[in-house]
Amino acid sequence: MGTLAAATPFIGSLASCAAAPEKFEGHKFPDLGYDFNALEPHIDALTMEVHYTKHHQGYFNNFMKAIDGTVLLETPVEQIFTGISKHPESVRNNGGGFYNHALFWENMTPTGIDIPAAFKTAIEKDFGSVDSMKEKFSQAAKTLFGSGWAWLSVNSNGKLFVSTTPNQDNPLMDIVGERGIPLLSLDVWEHAYYLKYQNRRAEYVDNFWNLVNWKVVNSRLEKAIA
């Protein structure tokens, strides 16, 4: 596996490393890409509809309000995150909610996809095995206190790592302890699973592995280390 740029270029150009659009055309609310019932039985249609149309749309709308009349309207969200400590909480929380959910929808697919060989090799290099990575990721998601996200990311040295963030923070932000480019994310806010699983977060986390779109995850790694 290749390596990312040295530490300073990585931090300074995190937006491009995170596969931000080459020509930024403004912040846009993304299409879901599949029907609300497409992920059943693992995630039910009502949860998907409420999550996408209410929660995600709400984060996007509030993010646009928070940056209205500022240069951030013309700044890719990945680039905003590299200096998020300089911006109001409303930008951090709603920008994070907008971006994190967009990745989350892309992470999942109604049809199973095998892990590409190159990505499997990368996982084995840094975790020993795919099962070990899944176990570490799942444990992080199950034990995160309160609301937040679990992440599989790649750092500035090209190493894969698992982390968690509270609320709507993510590994691109300059306020997190371990920074990197997100490859795989899992929403563990209660609104992501409570209608179906109630307090059984662990069951929701375990079922997530049936939905992962490894082709998309692998493509993110390829762009990050290109």
Protein backbone atom coordinates (compact mmCIF):
# COMPACT_ATOMS: atom_id res chain seq x y z
CA MET A 1 0.00 0.00 0.00
CA GLY A 2 1.28 3.49 -0.78
CA THR A 3 1.57 6.30 1.73
CA LEU A 4 -0.03 9.68 1.99
CA ALA A 5 1.94 12.86 1.69
CA ALA A 6 4.17 13.90 4.56
CA ALA A 7 2.48 15.24 7.67
CA THR A 8 2.51 18.93 6.80
CA PRO A 9 1.10 18.59 3.24
CA PHE A 10 -1.47 16.11 4.56
CA ILE A 11 -2.79 18.59 7.11
CA GLY A 12 -2.61 21.52 4.74
CA SER A 13 -4.38 19.81 1.85
CA LEU A 14 -6.72 17.49 3.70
CA ALA A 15 -9.64 18.56 1.56
CA SER A 16 -8.05 17.29 -1.64
CA CYS A 17 -6.83 14.12 0.10
CA ALA A 18 -10.39 13.50 1.26
CA ALA A 19 -11.58 13.42 -2.33
CA ALA A 20 -13.24 16.83 -2.36
CA PRO A 21 -14.57 17.81 -5.80
CA GLU A 22 -11.87 19.10 -8.15
CA LYS A 23 -14.21 21.94 -9.10
CA PHE A 24 -16.37 22.92 -6.16
CA GLU A 25 -19.90 23.82 -7.23
CA GLY A 26 -21.45 24.54 -3.86
CA HIS A 27 -22.79 22.46 -0.99
CA LYS A 28 -25.51 20.07 -2.16
CA PHE A 29 -27.80 17.70 -0.33
CA PRO A 30 -27.03 14.23 -1.75
CA ASP A 31 -29.43 11.68 -3.15
CA LEU A 32 -29.83 8.60 -0.98
CA GLY A 33 -29.06 6.26 -3.85
CA TYR A 34 -31.54 3.51 -2.93
CA ASP A 35 -35.09 3.11 -1.63
CA PHE A 36 -35.88 3.56 2.05
CA ASN A 37 -36.71 -0.15 2.35
CA ALA A 38 -33.62 -1.34 0.45
CA LEU A 39 -31.59 -2.15 3.56
CA GLU A 40 -34.22 -4.27 5.28
CA PRO A 41 -34.22 -6.35 7.39
CA HIS A 42 -31.08 -4.84 8.88
CA ILE A 43 -32.29 -1.22 8.80
CA ASP A 44 -36.03 -0.65 8.46
CA ALA A 45 -37.70 1.68 5.96
CA LEU A 46 -39.19 4.04 8.55
CA THR A 47 -35.84 4.60 10.24
CA MET A 48 -34.23 5.30 6.87
CA GLU A 49 -36.96 7.74 5.84
CA VAL A 50 -36.88 9.69 9.10
CA HIS A 51 -33.09 9.60 9.32
CA TYR A 52 -32.58 10.87 5.77
CA THR A 53 -35.47 13.31 5.33
CA LYS A 54 -35.57 14.73 8.86
CA HIS A 55 -32.19 14.36 10.57
CA HIS A 56 -29.82 14.58 7.60
CA GLN A 57 -31.90 17.22 5.82
CA GLY A 58 -32.08 19.19 9.05
CA TYR A 59 -28.31 19.19 9.47
CA PHE A 60 -27.87 20.37 5.88
CA ASN A 61 -30.46 23.14 6.20
CA ASN A 62 -28.94 24.40 9.46
CA PHE A 63 -25.43 24.21 8.03
CA MET A 64 -26.47 26.38 5.11
CA LYS A 65 -28.00 28.88 7.52
CA ALA A 66 -24.83 28.89 9.63
CA ILE A 67 -22.58 29.72 6.69
CA ASP A 68 -24.96 32.04 4.84
CA GLY A 69 -23.21 35.20 3.71
CA THR A 70 -19.71 33.84 4.41
CA VAL A 71 -16.85 32.53 2.30
CA LEU A 72 -17.71 29.05 3.61
CA LEU A 73 -20.47 28.90 1.02
CA GLU A 74 -17.70 28.57 -1.55
CA THR A 75 -15.46 26.28 0.52
CA PRO A 76 -15.62 22.46 0.33
CA VAL A 77 -16.78 21.05 3.64
CA GLU A 78 -13.66 18.87 3.93
CA GLN A 79 -11.55 22.02 3.81
CA ILE A 80 -13.74 23.70 6.41
CA PHE A 81 -13.10 20.81 8.78
CA THR A 82 -9.33 21.30 8.66
CA GLY A 83 -9.85 24.59 10.52
CA ILE A 84 -13.11 23.81 12.29
CA SER A 85 -11.75 25.07 15.61
CA LYS A 86 -11.92 28.60 14.18
CA HIS A 87 -15.62 28.39 13.35
CA PRO A 88 -18.82 28.53 15.45
CA GLU A 89 -20.32 25.42 17.00
CA SER A 90 -23.22 25.67 14.56
CA VAL A 91 -20.82 25.13 11.65
CA ARG A 92 -19.05 22.27 13.39
CA ASN A 93 -22.19 20.43 14.48
CA ASN A 94 -24.30 20.92 11.38
CA GLY A 95 -21.45 20.68 8.87
CA GLY A 96 -20.38 17.46 10.54
CA GLY A 97 -23.92 16.11 10.49
CA PHE A 98 -24.25 16.97 6.80
CA TYR A 99 -20.94 15.36 5.80
CA ASN A 100 -21.01 12.35 8.14
CA HIS A 101 -24.42 11.21 6.97
CA ALA A 102 -23.50 11.59 3.31
CA LEU A 103 -20.61 9.17 3.85
CA PHE A 104 -22.79 6.85 5.89
CA TRP A 105 -25.37 6.40 3.11
CA GLU A 106 -22.59 5.68 0.61
CA ASN A 107 -21.10 3.13 3.01
CA MET A 108 -24.11 0.87 2.59
CA THR A 109 -25.57 -1.15 -0.25
CA PRO A 110 -28.61 -3.42 -0.57
CA THR A 111 -26.45 -6.10 -2.21
CA GLY A 112 -23.44 -7.69 -0.60
CA ILE A 113 -20.03 -6.74 -1.96
CA ASP A 114 -16.84 -8.64 -1.20
CA ILE A 115 -13.81 -6.79 0.12
CA PRO A 116 -11.48 -5.99 -2.80
CA ALA A 117 -8.17 -7.84 -2.59
CA ALA A 118 -6.08 -4.68 -2.24
CA PHE A 119 -8.17 -3.38 0.63
CA LYS A 120 -8.15 -6.78 2.33
CA THR A 121 -4.34 -6.71 2.16
CA ALA A 122 -4.28 -3.23 3.71
CA ILE A 123 -6.53 -4.39 6.54
CA GLU A 124 -4.40 -7.46 7.20
CA LYS A 125 -1.26 -5.32 7.26
CA ASP A 126 -2.59 -2.98 9.95
CA PHE A 127 -4.98 -5.22 11.92
CA GLY A 128 -3.76 -8.76 11.30
CA SER A 129 -7.04 -9.90 9.76
CA VAL A 130 -10.39 -8.63 8.53
CA ASP A 131 -12.06 -10.22 11.55
CA SER A 132 -9.73 -8.36 13.90
CA MET A 133 -10.56 -5.05 12.23
CA LYS A 134 -14.28 -5.76 12.41
CA GLU A 135 -14.00 -6.73 16.06
CA LYS A 136 -12.12 -3.54 16.94
CA PHE A 137 -14.52 -1.35 14.95
CA SER A 138 -17.59 -3.06 16.41
CA GLN A 139 -16.29 -2.79 19.95
CA ALA A 140 -15.62 0.91 19.46
CA ALA A 141 -19.14 1.46 18.12
CA LYS A 142 -20.81 -0.58 20.84
CA THR A 143 -18.97 1.06 23.73
CA LEU A 144 -18.99 4.71 22.65
CA PHE A 145 -20.78 6.55 25.44
CA GLY A 146 -23.68 8.67 24.27
CA SER A 147 -24.10 9.79 20.67
CA GLY A 148 -21.43 9.76 17.99
CA TRP A 149 -19.70 7.80 15.26
CA ALA A 150 -17.28 4.93 14.76
CA TRP A 151 -14.69 5.29 12.00
CA LEU A 152 -12.19 3.35 9.93
CA SER A 153 -9.75 5.92 8.55
CA VAL A 154 -6.30 6.24 7.03
CA ASN A 155 -3.74 8.55 8.63
CA SER A 156 -0.94 10.66 7.16
CA ASN A 157 1.40 7.65 7.12
CA GLY A 158 -1.04 5.51 5.16
CA LYS A 159 -1.95 3.43 8.21
CA LEU A 160 -5.53 2.33 8.80
CA PHE A 161 -6.97 2.99 12.25
CA VAL A 162 -10.26 2.74 14.14
CA SER A 163 -11.54 5.65 16.20
CA THR A 164 -14.72 7.20 17.57
CA THR A 165 -15.92 10.78 17.73
CA PRO A 166 -18.70 12.33 19.82
CA ASN A 167 -21.75 14.07 18.38
CA GLN A 168 -21.11 15.04 14.74
CA ASP A 169 -17.32 15.35 14.85
CA ASN A 170 -15.20 13.37 12.40
CA PRO A 171 -11.51 12.50 11.80
CA LEU A 172 -11.01 15.37 9.32
CA MET A 173 -11.55 17.97 12.02
CA ASP A 174 -8.62 19.71 13.68
CA ILE A 175 -10.19 19.20 17.13
CA VAL A 176 -10.01 15.37 17.23
CA GLY A 177 -7.20 13.41 18.83
CA GLU A 178 -6.44 11.14 15.87
CA ARG A 179 -6.85 12.72 12.45
CA GLY A 180 -7.20 11.01 9.11
CA ILE A 181 -9.34 10.52 6.05
CA PRO A 182 -12.57 8.62 6.76
CA LEU A 183 -13.07 5.41 4.81
CA LEU A 184 -15.95 3.75 6.70
CA SER A 185 -18.37 5.24 9.21
CA LEU A 186 -21.17 4.02 11.44
CA ASP A 187 -23.76 6.29 13.02
CA VAL A 188 -24.47 5.24 16.61
CA TRP A 189 -26.83 8.05 17.52
CA GLU A 190 -30.05 6.49 18.82
CA HIS A 191 -32.04 7.94 15.93
CA ALA A 192 -30.05 5.64 13.61
CA TYR A 193 -31.41 2.45 15.15
CA TYR A 194 -33.88 2.96 18.00
CA LEU A 195 -37.15 2.40 16.10
CA LYS A 196 -36.05 -1.14 15.22
CA TYR A 197 -33.50 -2.11 17.85
CA GLN A 198 -34.52 0.01 20.87
CA ASN A 199 -31.59 -0.27 23.31
CA ARG A 200 -29.91 -3.13 21.39
CA ARG A 201 -27.13 -1.09 19.84
CA ALA A 202 -24.86 -4.14 19.69
CA GLU A 203 -27.30 -5.98 17.41
CA TYR A 204 -27.49 -2.94 15.11
CA VAL A 205 -23.69 -2.78 14.95
CA ASP A 206 -23.35 -6.48 14.17
CA ASN A 207 -25.93 -6.26 11.38
CA PHE A 208 -24.13 -3.30 9.81
CA TRP A 209 -21.49 -5.65 8.37
CA ASN A 210 -24.16 -7.19 6.12
CA LEU A 211 -24.56 -3.82 4.37
CA VAL A 212 -21.05 -2.44 3.88
CA ASN A 213 -20.25 -1.26 0.36
CA TRP A 214 -16.61 -2.29 0.30
CA LYS A 215 -16.22 -1.04 -3.27
CA VAL A 216 -16.90 2.52 -2.10
CA VAL A 217 -14.69 2.12 0.96
CA ASN A 218 -11.84 0.85 -1.18
CA SER A 219 -12.25 3.72 -3.65
CA ARG A 220 -11.85 6.21 -0.80
CA LEU A 221 -8.57 4.57 0.20
CA GLU A 222 -7.32 4.60 -3.37
CA LYS A 223 -8.01 8.34 -3.65
CA ALA A 224 -6.41 9.02 -0.27
CA ILE A 225 -3.13 7.33 -1.13
CA ALA A 226 -2.97 8.32 -4.81
